[in-house]
Protein backbone atom coordinates (compact mmCIF):
# COMPACT_ATOMS: atom_id res chain seq x y z
CA UNK A 1 -17.38 2.89 150.82
CA UNK A 2 -16.36 0.07 148.17
CA UNK A 3 -13.41 -1.76 149.22
CA UNK A 4 -10.66 -1.91 146.75
CA UNK A 5 -9.81 -5.41 145.34
CA UNK A 6 -6.04 -6.46 145.73
CA UNK A 7 -4.82 -8.12 142.62
CA UNK A 8 -3.34 -11.72 142.99
CA UNK A 9 0.12 -12.67 142.44
CA UNK A 10 -0.77 -14.44 139.08
CA UNK A 11 -2.53 -11.11 137.87
CA UNK A 12 0.63 -9.22 138.72
CA UNK A 13 2.80 -11.51 137.04
CA UNK A 14 0.94 -11.57 133.93
CA UNK A 15 0.83 -7.93 133.92
CA UNK A 16 4.62 -7.60 134.49
CA UNK A 17 5.27 -10.39 131.81
CA UNK A 18 3.14 -8.12 129.41
CA UNK A 19 5.23 -5.17 130.17
CA UNK A 20 8.76 -6.99 129.68
CA UNK A 21 7.31 -8.37 126.30
CA UNK A 22 6.43 -4.57 125.42
CA UNK A 23 9.69 -3.35 126.25
CA UNK A 24 11.34 -6.14 124.22
CA UNK A 25 9.29 -5.78 121.07
CA UNK A 26 9.43 -2.07 121.26
CA UNK A 27 13.28 -2.21 121.26
CA UNK A 28 13.43 -4.60 118.44
CA UNK A 29 10.97 -2.64 116.30
CA UNK A 30 12.65 0.69 117.10
CA UNK A 31 16.18 -1.03 116.17
CA UNK A 32 14.54 -2.26 113.03
CA UNK A 33 13.46 1.15 112.02
CA UNK A 34 16.78 2.73 112.65
CA UNK A 35 18.48 0.04 110.70
CA UNK A 36 16.33 0.69 107.69
CA UNK A 37 16.83 4.36 107.91
CA UNK A 38 20.68 3.76 108.15
CA UNK A 39 20.66 1.26 105.15
CA UNK A 40 18.55 3.70 102.79
CA UNK A 41 20.08 6.99 103.98
CA UNK A 42 16.75 8.47 103.56
CA UNK A 43 13.74 9.36 105.65
CA UNK A 44 11.54 6.43 106.71
CA UNK A 45 7.96 6.67 107.71
CA UNK A 46 7.96 6.06 111.48
CA UNK A 47 5.56 3.05 111.32
CA UNK A 48 6.51 1.64 114.93
CA UNK A 49 5.33 4.81 116.66
CA UNK A 50 1.77 3.73 115.94
CA UNK A 51 2.60 0.38 117.38
CA UNK A 52 4.46 1.68 120.60
CA UNK A 53 1.58 4.12 121.31
CA UNK A 54 -1.26 1.74 120.87
CA UNK A 55 0.37 -1.12 122.78
CA UNK A 56 1.27 1.49 125.35
CA UNK A 57 -2.32 2.31 125.97
CA UNK A 58 -2.94 -1.32 126.21
CA UNK A 59 -0.44 -1.39 129.00
CA UNK A 60 -2.12 1.63 130.66
CA UNK A 61 -5.33 -0.05 130.59
CA UNK A 62 -3.98 -3.30 131.97
CA UNK A 63 -2.52 -1.21 134.78
CA UNK A 64 -5.72 0.61 135.57
CA UNK A 65 -7.91 -2.52 135.47
CA UNK A 66 -5.43 -4.23 137.77
CA UNK A 67 -4.49 -1.67 140.49
CA UNK A 68 -7.73 0.56 140.53
CA UNK A 69 -10.38 -1.92 140.71
CA UNK A 70 -13.34 -1.72 143.58
CA UNK A 71 -15.81 -4.22 144.45
CA UNK A 72 -19.35 -3.40 143.53
CA UNK A 73 -21.53 -3.44 146.60
CA UNK A 74 -24.68 -3.77 144.47
CA UNK A 75 -23.57 -6.76 142.45
CA UNK A 76 -25.09 -9.17 144.66
CA UNK A 77 -28.49 -7.39 144.84
CA UNK A 78 -28.24 -7.23 141.12
CA UNK A 79 -27.93 -10.83 140.66
CA UNK A 80 -30.56 -11.56 143.24
CA UNK A 81 -33.14 -9.38 141.31
CA UNK A 82 -31.96 -11.02 137.87
CA UNK A 83 -32.64 -14.70 139.36
CA UNK A 84 -36.17 -13.80 140.44
């Protein structure tokens, strides 16, 4: 059974920095969206929803790559075969 690779503290800190920046920037763009709607008193296209969703998927992918990574038992054998 392959062993789970534990993330280093640096990898975790970079991930949590990514999450904090995501939260701050998302809050700012949603605030700007609301301010634009309040200023014009009309419906405004929710452009920030695309940014929030895409970046959210990036955060999910980053979390998956960080916390669900397993060692590849056949990697050394593959490198050995490639070097022959």
